[in-house]
Amino acid sequence: MKSFLICISLGMGMALAGSGCADGVEQPASTADASLAKGQSAVVDAESAPNILAIAIGSKDHSTLVAAVQAAALEDVLTNAGPLTVFAPNNAAFEKLPAGTLQNLLKPENKVTLARIIKYHATPGTFTSDNLRDGQQLYMATGHYIPVKVEGDQLSLQGAKVLGTVKASNGIVHVIDAVLLPPEE
C-alpha cells in the first residue's frame, strides 16, 4: 500500500510524498487523505493556547456557530495563524433569526451564502474591547465596513451587543447576542 507523510506548514496543509515530516512516521494513504481534507483544522495540539475554532468548539453556547462554520467549510480559516478578530454569535443569537432561516442556510446548496454571513463576523487584526472606539469602522472579511458603537461600557456592532471577550492563540473572540447580516449584493 502506498504511503504518504503529511507535512503541515504554517497556514497550509500539504501532502508530500517521501520523507521529512516531524515524527518521520509514514501514514497509510487513507489516513493522509483524511487529514488533508481537513487542512490546518485537523492539527491537534493539546499544549498550545486554543485558537478561535477551539474556543468555539469548547463553548456550549456556540454549538450553532460551530455547525455553521463546518457547513460553510471555514474551519481552517479560524485555525490559521491570524491575527483575526471574530464576533461570535451565541446560540441565543441564532434563535432570534426568522423561523427556518438557519435550517435553510445549513443546506449544502446555500454554502456560499452561509460562508458570506460567517465572514461578515470576522476582521483581520486584533481588536480588543480596549482598542475599539465609538464610530470606528471595522473592515470585515467580506469587504464591508461595520461601525463600532460604544456607549459607556457597552460595545456593539449593528445592534449586536458584545457580551464577553476571549483571547485566542490566533486573535480575539467577542461573544455577541445577534447574528450580523451583510448588506444585499
Protein backbone atom coordinates (compact mmCIF):
# COMPACT_ATOMS: atom_id res chain seq x y z
CA MET A 1 0.00 0.00 0.00
CA LYS A 2 1.36 3.41 -0.99
CA SER A 3 2.22 5.63 1.97
CA PHE A 4 2.47 9.35 2.36
CA LEU A 5 3.73 11.69 5.01
CA ILE A 6 1.79 14.75 5.96
CA CYS A 7 3.64 18.00 6.49
CA ILE A 8 1.63 20.90 7.82
CA SER A 9 3.27 24.21 7.00
CA LEU A 10 2.04 27.41 8.62
CA GLY A 11 -1.43 28.11 7.35
CA MET A 12 -1.32 25.39 4.68
CA GLY A 13 -1.81 21.63 4.76
CA MET A 14 0.36 19.95 2.14
CA ALA A 15 0.96 16.28 1.41
CA LEU A 16 4.44 15.44 0.30
CA ALA A 17 5.42 12.03 -0.94
CA GLY A 18 8.59 10.78 0.63
CA SER A 19 10.28 11.80 3.84
CA GLY A 20 10.87 14.78 6.06
CA CYS A 21 7.93 15.27 8.41
CA ALA A 22 8.13 15.96 12.11
CA ASP A 23 7.96 12.45 13.50
CA GLY A 24 9.18 10.61 10.40
CA VAL A 25 6.37 8.05 10.64
CA GLU A 26 4.67 7.18 7.38
CA GLN A 27 0.88 7.08 7.32
CA PRO A 28 -1.32 4.95 5.09
CA ALA A 29 -2.79 6.87 2.14
CA SER A 30 -6.32 6.76 3.59
CA THR A 31 -5.18 8.47 6.81
CA ALA A 32 -3.18 11.03 4.90
CA ASP A 33 -6.11 11.78 2.59
CA ALA A 34 -8.49 12.22 5.54
CA SER A 35 -6.10 14.63 7.27
CA LEU A 36 -5.56 16.59 4.07
CA ALA A 37 -9.26 17.07 3.60
CA LYS A 38 -9.37 18.94 6.89
CA GLY A 39 -6.21 21.06 6.50
CA GLN A 40 -4.95 23.13 9.42
CA SER A 41 -8.08 22.47 11.49
CA ALA A 42 -7.11 18.77 11.66
CA VAL A 43 -3.98 19.57 13.66
CA VAL A 44 -4.47 18.57 17.27
CA ASP A 45 -2.35 20.38 19.84
CA ALA A 46 -3.32 19.94 23.46
CA GLU A 47 -0.44 22.08 24.79
CA SER A 48 -0.87 25.41 22.99
CA ALA A 49 -3.44 28.05 23.84
CA PRO A 50 -6.70 27.34 21.99
CA ASN A 51 -7.33 29.01 18.64
CA ILE A 52 -10.61 30.70 17.68
CA LEU A 53 -12.20 27.48 16.41
CA ALA A 54 -11.15 25.52 19.52
CA ILE A 55 -12.70 28.19 21.75
CA ALA A 56 -15.99 27.98 19.83
CA ILE A 57 -15.97 24.17 19.91
CA GLY A 58 -15.33 24.23 23.65
CA SER A 59 -18.26 26.58 24.32
CA LYS A 60 -21.69 25.00 24.83
CA ASP A 61 -23.13 28.41 23.90
CA HIS A 62 -21.60 28.32 20.40
CA SER A 63 -22.65 24.91 19.06
CA THR A 64 -24.83 26.53 16.39
CA LEU A 65 -21.95 28.73 15.23
CA VAL A 66 -19.65 25.69 15.06
CA ALA A 67 -22.24 23.81 12.97
CA ALA A 68 -22.48 26.82 10.63
CA VAL A 69 -18.68 27.12 10.33
CA GLN A 70 -18.48 23.41 9.48
CA ALA A 71 -21.34 23.62 6.96
CA ALA A 72 -19.56 26.55 5.27
CA ALA A 73 -16.20 24.67 5.39
CA LEU A 74 -14.46 27.58 7.14
CA GLU A 75 -12.76 25.61 9.93
CA ASP A 76 -9.26 26.20 8.54
CA VAL A 77 -9.79 29.97 8.38
CA LEU A 78 -10.48 30.03 12.13
CA THR A 79 -7.41 27.91 12.95
CA ASN A 80 -4.82 29.71 10.83
CA ALA A 81 -2.18 31.92 12.42
CA GLY A 82 -4.17 35.15 12.19
CA PRO A 83 -4.46 37.52 13.86
CA LEU A 84 -8.20 37.59 13.43
CA THR A 85 -11.00 39.14 15.47
CA VAL A 86 -14.28 37.24 15.36
CA PHE A 87 -17.64 38.47 16.62
CA ALA A 88 -19.17 35.12 17.56
CA PRO A 89 -22.97 34.94 17.84
CA ASN A 90 -24.09 32.68 20.68
CA ASN A 91 -26.84 30.06 20.25
CA ALA A 92 -29.49 32.51 21.51
CA ALA A 93 -28.47 34.92 18.72
CA PHE A 94 -29.24 32.30 16.07
CA GLU A 95 -32.61 31.63 17.73
CA LYS A 96 -33.56 35.27 17.01
CA LEU A 97 -33.41 34.65 13.24
CA PRO A 98 -36.77 34.14 11.49
CA ALA A 99 -38.08 30.57 11.71
CA GLY A 100 -36.44 28.24 9.20
CA THR A 101 -33.62 30.66 8.27
CA LEU A 102 -30.83 28.73 9.95
CA GLN A 103 -32.03 25.36 8.67
CA ASN A 104 -32.15 26.79 5.15
CA LEU A 105 -28.65 28.29 5.42
CA LEU A 106 -27.20 24.97 6.61
CA LYS A 107 -28.25 23.22 3.39
CA PRO A 108 -25.30 22.38 1.07
CA GLU A 109 -26.76 24.47 -1.76
CA ASN A 110 -26.54 27.58 0.49
CA LYS A 111 -22.88 27.09 1.46
CA VAL A 112 -21.72 30.27 -0.33
CA THR A 113 -24.37 32.44 1.33
CA LEU A 114 -23.62 30.94 4.74
CA ALA A 115 -19.87 31.47 4.28
CA ARG A 116 -20.51 35.12 3.38
CA ILE A 117 -22.55 35.63 6.56
CA ILE A 118 -19.87 33.99 8.72
CA LYS A 119 -17.08 36.03 7.09
CA TYR A 120 -19.09 39.17 7.88
CA HIS A 121 -18.35 38.37 11.54
CA ALA A 122 -14.55 38.43 11.12
CA THR A 123 -11.98 41.16 10.67
CA PRO A 124 -8.24 40.82 10.17
CA GLY A 125 -6.19 42.05 13.12
CA THR A 126 -6.51 42.00 16.87
CA PHE A 127 -9.23 44.27 18.23
CA THR A 128 -9.73 44.09 21.96
CA SER A 129 -12.53 45.90 23.77
CA ASP A 130 -9.90 48.42 24.92
CA ASN A 131 -8.81 49.44 21.42
CA LEU A 132 -12.26 49.67 19.79
CA ARG A 133 -13.63 53.22 19.69
CA ASP A 134 -17.08 54.68 19.08
CA GLY A 135 -17.53 55.39 15.37
CA GLN A 136 -14.54 53.28 14.33
CA GLN A 137 -15.11 51.40 11.07
CA LEU A 138 -14.05 47.73 11.08
CA TYR A 139 -13.15 46.19 7.74
CA MET A 140 -14.79 42.76 7.65
CA ALA A 141 -13.62 39.71 5.70
CA THR A 142 -16.44 40.27 3.18
CA GLY A 143 -15.02 43.66 2.18
CA HIS A 144 -17.69 45.62 4.04
CA TYR A 145 -17.20 48.08 6.88
CA ILE A 146 -19.15 47.91 10.14
CA PRO A 147 -19.24 50.87 12.54
CA VAL A 148 -18.40 50.25 16.18
CA LYS A 149 -20.70 51.75 18.80
CA VAL A 150 -19.53 52.36 22.36
CA GLU A 151 -21.94 53.66 24.98
CA GLY A 152 -20.38 53.68 28.44
CA ASP A 153 -19.00 50.19 28.91
CA GLN A 154 -21.25 48.63 26.24
CA LEU A 155 -19.65 47.74 22.91
CA SER A 156 -21.87 46.83 19.94
CA LEU A 157 -21.90 46.40 16.16
CA GLN A 158 -25.13 46.81 14.19
CA GLY A 159 -27.11 46.42 17.40
CA ALA A 160 -25.34 43.20 18.42
CA LYS A 161 -24.00 43.66 21.95
CA VAL A 162 -20.63 42.25 22.96
CA LEU A 163 -21.33 40.01 25.96
CA GLY A 164 -17.77 38.88 26.63
CA THR A 165 -14.31 38.56 25.14
CA VAL A 166 -11.88 35.64 24.99
CA LYS A 167 -8.27 35.83 23.84
CA ALA A 168 -7.28 33.07 21.40
CA SER A 169 -3.86 31.99 20.19
CA ASN A 170 -4.68 33.47 16.78
CA GLY A 171 -6.73 36.51 17.76
CA ILE A 172 -9.76 37.62 19.74
CA VAL A 173 -13.31 36.25 20.09
CA HIS A 174 -16.05 38.70 21.07
CA VAL A 175 -19.26 36.88 22.01
CA ILE A 176 -22.29 38.74 20.62
CA ASP A 177 -26.03 38.43 21.13
CA ALA A 178 -27.18 38.77 17.49
CA VAL A 179 -26.24 37.47 14.05
CA LEU A 180 -24.76 40.17 11.81
CA LEU A 181 -26.17 40.11 8.29
CA PRO A 182 -24.16 41.58 5.42
CA PRO A 183 -25.82 44.02 3.03
CA GLU A 184 -27.51 42.50 0.00
CA GLU A 185 -25.35 42.39 -3.11
